[in-house]
Amino acid sequence: MATQIFTLLGVLIGALTSYFATTMAERAKFRREMATRWDERKLDTYIDYLTCIKEIQRAAMAAGRARDEGADAAEALSDMEESENRRSVLFETFVLLSDERAATAAHTVNQRTWELLRTTRNPSSGVAELRPIPLVEALNVLHEAARSDLTISSSIPDR
C-alpha cells in the first residue's frame, strides 16, 4: 500500500511540475509575442510620423524655392498643410506607444516643425529663412531615442 502511495505521489509531483513548467513557458512565449507585436506597431508609427515630418520639410523648402523664383507656392503649401494634419494625428499614437525619451524628442521635433510651418506660412519667406531652423538636429535626437526605445543598436556590427 505504501508503495502505491509513493508511486501516486511521484506521478502527482511529476504532473504538477510538468503543468507549472508548461504554464511558465506559455506565459513567457505570450509576453514575447506581445512585446514583438507592440514593437512592430511602434516601428510603423515611428516611420509614419517621421515620414510626415520629412514631407512637411520638403514641401516647406519647395514653397521657399518657389517664392525665391517668383513662382506660385500654393501647391507646396497645400502639401505641407496636408502632411501637418497627418503628423498631428500620428503624434498622438507616437506618444501612446513610445517611451519617455522618445516622446520628449518628438515634442522637440514638433516645436521645430511648428517654427518651420510658421516661417513658411509667411508670404515673404524663402529658402534662406527656412534653412536656419534646427529641425534636422531635432530629428537626429529623435532617431537615437527611437532606436533606443526599439532596442536597435546604433552601431554597425563587425563582420
C-alpha atoms as a PDB file:
ATOM      1  CA  MET A   1       0.000   0.000   0.000  1.00  0.00           C
ATOM      2  CA  ALA A   2       2.834   2.416   0.880  1.00  0.00           C
ATOM      3  CA  THR A   3       4.452   1.687  -2.473  1.00  0.00           C
ATOM      4  CA  GLN A   4       1.282   2.659  -4.281  1.00  0.00           C
ATOM      5  CA  ILE A   5       1.064   5.936  -2.314  1.00  0.00           C
ATOM      6  CA  PHE A   6       4.699   6.762  -3.196  1.00  0.00           C
ATOM      7  CA  THR A   7       4.015   5.955  -6.822  1.00  0.00           C
ATOM      8  CA  LEU A   8       0.877   8.088  -6.786  1.00  0.00           C
ATOM      9  CA  LEU A   9       2.767  10.973  -5.112  1.00  0.00           C
ATOM     10  CA  GLY A  10       5.525  10.660  -7.734  1.00  0.00           C
ATOM     11  CA  VAL A  11       3.009  10.821 -10.560  1.00  0.00           C
ATOM     12  CA  LEU A  12       1.259  13.778  -8.896  1.00  0.00           C
ATOM     13  CA  ILE A  13       4.527  15.668  -8.373  1.00  0.00           C
ATOM     14  CA  GLY A  14       5.561  14.934 -11.970  1.00  0.00           C
ATOM     15  CA  ALA A  15       2.221  16.148 -13.309  1.00  0.00           C
ATOM     16  CA  LEU A  16       2.346  19.353 -11.228  1.00  0.00           C
ATOM     17  CA  THR A  17       5.944  20.014 -12.270  1.00  0.00           C
ATOM     18  CA  SER A  18       5.025  19.479 -15.903  1.00  0.00           C
ATOM     19  CA  TYR A  19       1.964  21.741 -15.555  1.00  0.00           C
ATOM     20  CA  PHE A  20       3.930  24.579 -13.926  1.00  0.00           C
ATOM     21  CA  ALA A  21       6.787  24.304 -16.424  1.00  0.00           C
ATOM     22  CA  THR A  22       4.370  24.400 -19.351  1.00  0.00           C
ATOM     23  CA  THR A  23       2.442  27.317 -17.825  1.00  0.00           C
ATOM     24  CA  MET A  24       5.631  29.324 -17.275  1.00  0.00           C
ATOM     25  CA  ALA A  25       6.826  28.614 -20.823  1.00  0.00           C
ATOM     26  CA  GLU A  26       3.465  29.658 -22.288  1.00  0.00           C
ATOM     27  CA  ARG A  27       3.452  32.883 -20.256  1.00  0.00           C
ATOM     28  CA  ALA A  28       6.968  33.735 -21.413  1.00  0.00           C
ATOM     29  CA  LYS A  29       6.003  32.989 -25.022  1.00  0.00           C
ATOM     30  CA  PHE A  30       2.900  35.200 -24.692  1.00  0.00           C
ATOM     31  CA  ARG A  31       4.964  38.073 -23.268  1.00  0.00           C
ATOM     32  CA  ARG A  32       7.482  37.790 -26.127  1.00  0.00           C
ATOM     33  CA  GLU A  33       4.694  37.766 -28.702  1.00  0.00           C
ATOM     34  CA  MET A  34       3.061  40.819 -27.120  1.00  0.00           C
ATOM     35  CA  ALA A  35       6.372  42.681 -26.974  1.00  0.00           C
ATOM     36  CA  THR A  36       7.034  41.859 -30.624  1.00  0.00           C
ATOM     37  CA  ARG A  37       3.539  42.934 -31.614  1.00  0.00           C
ATOM     38  CA  TRP A  38       3.900  46.293 -29.872  1.00  0.00           C
ATOM     39  CA  ASP A  39       7.407  46.798 -31.226  1.00  0.00           C
ATOM     40  CA  GLU A  40       6.118  46.276 -34.764  1.00  0.00           C
ATOM     41  CA  ARG A  41       3.309  48.766 -34.149  1.00  0.00           C
ATOM     42  CA  LYS A  42       5.775  51.198 -32.579  1.00  0.00           C
ATOM     43  CA  LEU A  43       8.142  50.936 -35.540  1.00  0.00           C
ATOM     44  CA  ASP A  44       5.317  51.539 -38.028  1.00  0.00           C
ATOM     45  CA  THR A  45       4.160  54.578 -36.037  1.00  0.00           C
ATOM     46  CA  TYR A  46       7.687  55.984 -35.791  1.00  0.00           C
ATOM     47  CA  ILE A  47       8.208  55.569 -39.536  1.00  0.00           C
ATOM     48  CA  ASP A  48       4.851  57.172 -40.406  1.00  0.00           C
ATOM     49  CA  TYR A  49       5.449  60.096 -38.045  1.00  0.00           C
ATOM     50  CA  LEU A  50       8.970  60.744 -39.330  1.00  0.00           C
ATOM     51  CA  THR A  51       7.758  60.458 -42.925  1.00  0.00           C
ATOM     52  CA  CYS A  52       5.212  63.213 -42.271  1.00  0.00           C
ATOM     53  CA  ILE A  53       7.938  65.429 -40.790  1.00  0.00           C
ATOM     54  CA  LYS A  54      10.108  64.900 -43.863  1.00  0.00           C
ATOM     55  CA  GLU A  55       7.148  65.629 -46.159  1.00  0.00           C
ATOM     56  CA  ILE A  56       6.489  68.875 -44.284  1.00  0.00           C
ATOM     57  CA  GLN A  57      10.154  69.830 -44.573  1.00  0.00           C
ATOM     58  CA  ARG A  58      10.296  69.040 -48.316  1.00  0.00           C
ATOM     59  CA  ALA A  59       7.075  70.966 -49.015  1.00  0.00           C
ATOM     60  CA  ALA A  60       8.288  73.953 -46.982  1.00  0.00           C
ATOM     61  CA  MET A  61      11.556  74.054 -48.910  1.00  0.00           C
ATOM     62  CA  ALA A  62       9.650  73.725 -52.197  1.00  0.00           C
ATOM     63  CA  ALA A  63       7.468  76.677 -51.175  1.00  0.00           C
ATOM     64  CA  GLY A  64      10.590  78.673 -50.262  1.00  0.00           C
ATOM     65  CA  ARG A  65      12.236  77.872 -53.602  1.00  0.00           C
ATOM     66  CA  ALA A  66       9.051  78.801 -55.485  1.00  0.00           C
ATOM     67  CA  ARG A  67       8.958  82.164 -53.721  1.00  0.00           C
ATOM     68  CA  ASP A  68      12.661  82.754 -54.411  1.00  0.00           C
ATOM     69  CA  GLU A  69      11.969  82.104 -58.101  1.00  0.00           C
ATOM     70  CA  GLY A  70       8.827  84.266 -58.123  1.00  0.00           C
ATOM     71  CA  ALA A  71       6.574  81.254 -58.748  1.00  0.00           C
ATOM     72  CA  ASP A  72       3.333  80.229 -57.053  1.00  0.00           C
ATOM     73  CA  ALA A  73       3.918  78.330 -53.787  1.00  0.00           C
ATOM     74  CA  ALA A  74       0.251  77.343 -53.294  1.00  0.00           C
ATOM     75  CA  GLU A  75       0.656  73.665 -54.208  1.00  0.00           C
ATOM     76  CA  ALA A  76       3.672  73.207 -51.946  1.00  0.00           C
ATOM     77  CA  LEU A  77       1.851  74.985 -49.103  1.00  0.00           C
ATOM     78  CA  SER A  78      -1.170  72.755 -49.604  1.00  0.00           C
ATOM     79  CA  ASP A  79       1.012  69.638 -49.478  1.00  0.00           C
ATOM     80  CA  MET A  80       2.695  70.991 -46.360  1.00  0.00           C
ATOM     81  CA  GLU A  81      -0.628  71.574 -44.573  1.00  0.00           C
ATOM     82  CA  GLU A  82      -1.904  68.113 -45.538  1.00  0.00           C
ATOM     83  CA  SER A  83       1.224  66.489 -44.093  1.00  0.00           C
ATOM     84  CA  GLU A  84       0.913  68.630 -40.964  1.00  0.00           C
ATOM     85  CA  ASN A  85      -2.639  67.380 -40.425  1.00  0.00           C
ATOM     86  CA  ARG A  86      -1.447  63.761 -40.683  1.00  0.00           C
ATOM     87  CA  ARG A  87       1.516  64.470 -38.397  1.00  0.00           C
ATOM     88  CA  SER A  88      -0.800  65.877 -35.753  1.00  0.00           C
ATOM     89  CA  VAL A  89      -2.887  62.699 -35.674  1.00  0.00           C
ATOM     90  CA  LEU A  90       0.134  60.374 -35.795  1.00  0.00           C
ATOM     91  CA  PHE A  91       1.777  62.205 -32.916  1.00  0.00           C
ATOM     92  CA  GLU A  92      -0.927  61.014 -30.527  1.00  0.00           C
ATOM     93  CA  THR A  93      -0.217  57.381 -31.401  1.00  0.00           C
ATOM     94  CA  PHE A  94       3.514  58.079 -31.191  1.00  0.00           C
ATOM     95  CA  VAL A  95       3.224  59.374 -27.621  1.00  0.00           C
ATOM     96  CA  LEU A  96       0.999  56.473 -26.566  1.00  0.00           C
ATOM     97  CA  LEU A  97       3.461  53.851 -27.797  1.00  0.00           C
ATOM     98  CA  SER A  98       6.853  55.451 -27.161  1.00  0.00           C
ATOM     99  CA  ASP A  99       8.951  55.673 -24.054  1.00  0.00           C
ATOM    100  CA  GLU A 100       9.504  58.973 -22.266  1.00  0.00           C
ATOM    101  CA  ARG A 101      12.783  59.802 -24.018  1.00  0.00           C
ATOM    102  CA  ALA A 102      11.320  59.307 -27.498  1.00  0.00           C
ATOM    103  CA  ALA A 103       8.172  61.276 -26.586  1.00  0.00           C
ATOM    104  CA  THR A 104      10.294  64.173 -25.309  1.00  0.00           C
ATOM    105  CA  ALA A 105      12.372  64.124 -28.510  1.00  0.00           C
ATOM    106  CA  ALA A 106       9.159  64.101 -30.569  1.00  0.00           C
ATOM    107  CA  HIS A 107       7.882  67.145 -28.663  1.00  0.00           C
ATOM    108  CA  THR A 108      11.089  68.968 -29.649  1.00  0.00           C
ATOM    109  CA  VAL A 109      10.623  67.882 -33.280  1.00  0.00           C
ATOM    110  CA  ASN A 110       7.063  69.238 -33.120  1.00  0.00           C
ATOM    111  CA  GLN A 111       8.322  72.607 -31.871  1.00  0.00           C
ATOM    112  CA  ARG A 112      10.895  72.847 -34.682  1.00  0.00           C
ATOM    113  CA  THR A 113       8.251  71.751 -37.194  1.00  0.00           C
ATOM    114  CA  TRP A 114       5.893  74.467 -35.960  1.00  0.00           C
ATOM    115  CA  GLU A 115       8.713  77.018 -36.381  1.00  0.00           C
ATOM    116  CA  LEU A 116       9.171  75.782 -39.947  1.00  0.00           C
ATOM    117  CA  LEU A 117       5.422  75.949 -40.613  1.00  0.00           C
ATOM    118  CA  ARG A 118       5.131  79.442 -39.126  1.00  0.00           C
ATOM    119  CA  THR A 119       8.063  80.727 -41.154  1.00  0.00           C
ATOM    120  CA  THR A 120       6.859  79.049 -44.364  1.00  0.00           C
ATOM    121  CA  ARG A 121       3.361  80.496 -43.970  1.00  0.00           C
ATOM    122  CA  ASN A 122       4.885  83.985 -44.053  1.00  0.00           C
ATOM    123  CA  PRO A 123       4.496  85.062 -47.718  1.00  0.00           C
ATOM    124  CA  SER A 124       7.925  86.716 -47.766  1.00  0.00           C
ATOM    125  CA  SER A 125       9.874  83.657 -46.554  1.00  0.00           C
ATOM    126  CA  GLY A 126      12.252  81.977 -48.949  1.00  0.00           C
ATOM    127  CA  VAL A 127      14.771  79.186 -48.545  1.00  0.00           C
ATOM    128  CA  ALA A 128      17.230  81.435 -46.677  1.00  0.00           C
ATOM    129  CA  GLU A 129      14.733  81.951 -43.840  1.00  0.00           C
ATOM    130  CA  LEU A 130      13.863  78.231 -43.639  1.00  0.00           C
ATOM    131  CA  ARG A 131      17.364  76.719 -43.518  1.00  0.00           C
ATOM    132  CA  PRO A 132      18.387  78.012 -40.054  1.00  0.00           C
ATOM    133  CA  ILE A 133      15.510  76.187 -38.314  1.00  0.00           C
ATOM    134  CA  PRO A 134      17.240  73.291 -36.459  1.00  0.00           C
ATOM    135  CA  LEU A 135      14.758  70.579 -37.476  1.00  0.00           C
ATOM    136  CA  VAL A 136      17.406  68.117 -38.687  1.00  0.00           C
ATOM    137  CA  GLU A 137      19.220  68.232 -35.337  1.00  0.00           C
ATOM    138  CA  ALA A 138      15.946  67.521 -33.516  1.00  0.00           C
ATOM    139  CA  LEU A 139      15.255  64.630 -35.901  1.00  0.00           C
ATOM    140  CA  ASN A 140      18.690  63.145 -35.170  1.00  0.00           C
ATOM    141  CA  VAL A 141      17.919  63.160 -31.440  1.00  0.00           C
ATOM    142  CA  LEU A 142      14.545  61.543 -32.146  1.00  0.00           C
ATOM    143  CA  HIS A 143      16.170  58.849 -34.310  1.00  0.00           C
ATOM    144  CA  GLU A 144      18.539  57.953 -31.476  1.00  0.00           C
ATOM    145  CA  ALA A 145      15.700  57.872 -28.910  1.00  0.00           C
ATOM    146  CA  ALA A 146      13.573  55.701 -31.201  1.00  0.00           C
ATOM    147  CA  ARG A 147      16.437  53.259 -31.777  1.00  0.00           C
ATOM    148  CA  SER A 148      16.935  53.038 -28.032  1.00  0.00           C
ATOM    149  CA  ASP A 149      13.208  52.508 -27.406  1.00  0.00           C
ATOM    150  CA  LEU A 150      13.130  49.743 -30.011  1.00  0.00           C
ATOM    151  CA  THR A 151      16.419  48.345 -28.644  1.00  0.00           C
ATOM    152  CA  ILE A 152      18.099  48.747 -32.018  1.00  0.00           C
ATOM    153  CA  SER A 153      21.837  49.149 -31.768  1.00  0.00           C
ATOM    154  CA  SER A 154      23.137  52.394 -33.204  1.00  0.00           C
ATOM    155  CA  SER A 155      26.476  50.849 -34.157  1.00  0.00           C
ATOM    156  CA  ILE A 156      27.118  48.673 -37.161  1.00  0.00           C
ATOM    157  CA  PRO A 157      28.228  45.172 -36.116  1.00  0.00           C
ATOM    158  CA  ASP A 158      31.611  43.829 -37.181  1.00  0.00           C
ATOM    159  CA  ARG A 159      31.542  41.221 -39.921  1.00  0.00           C
END
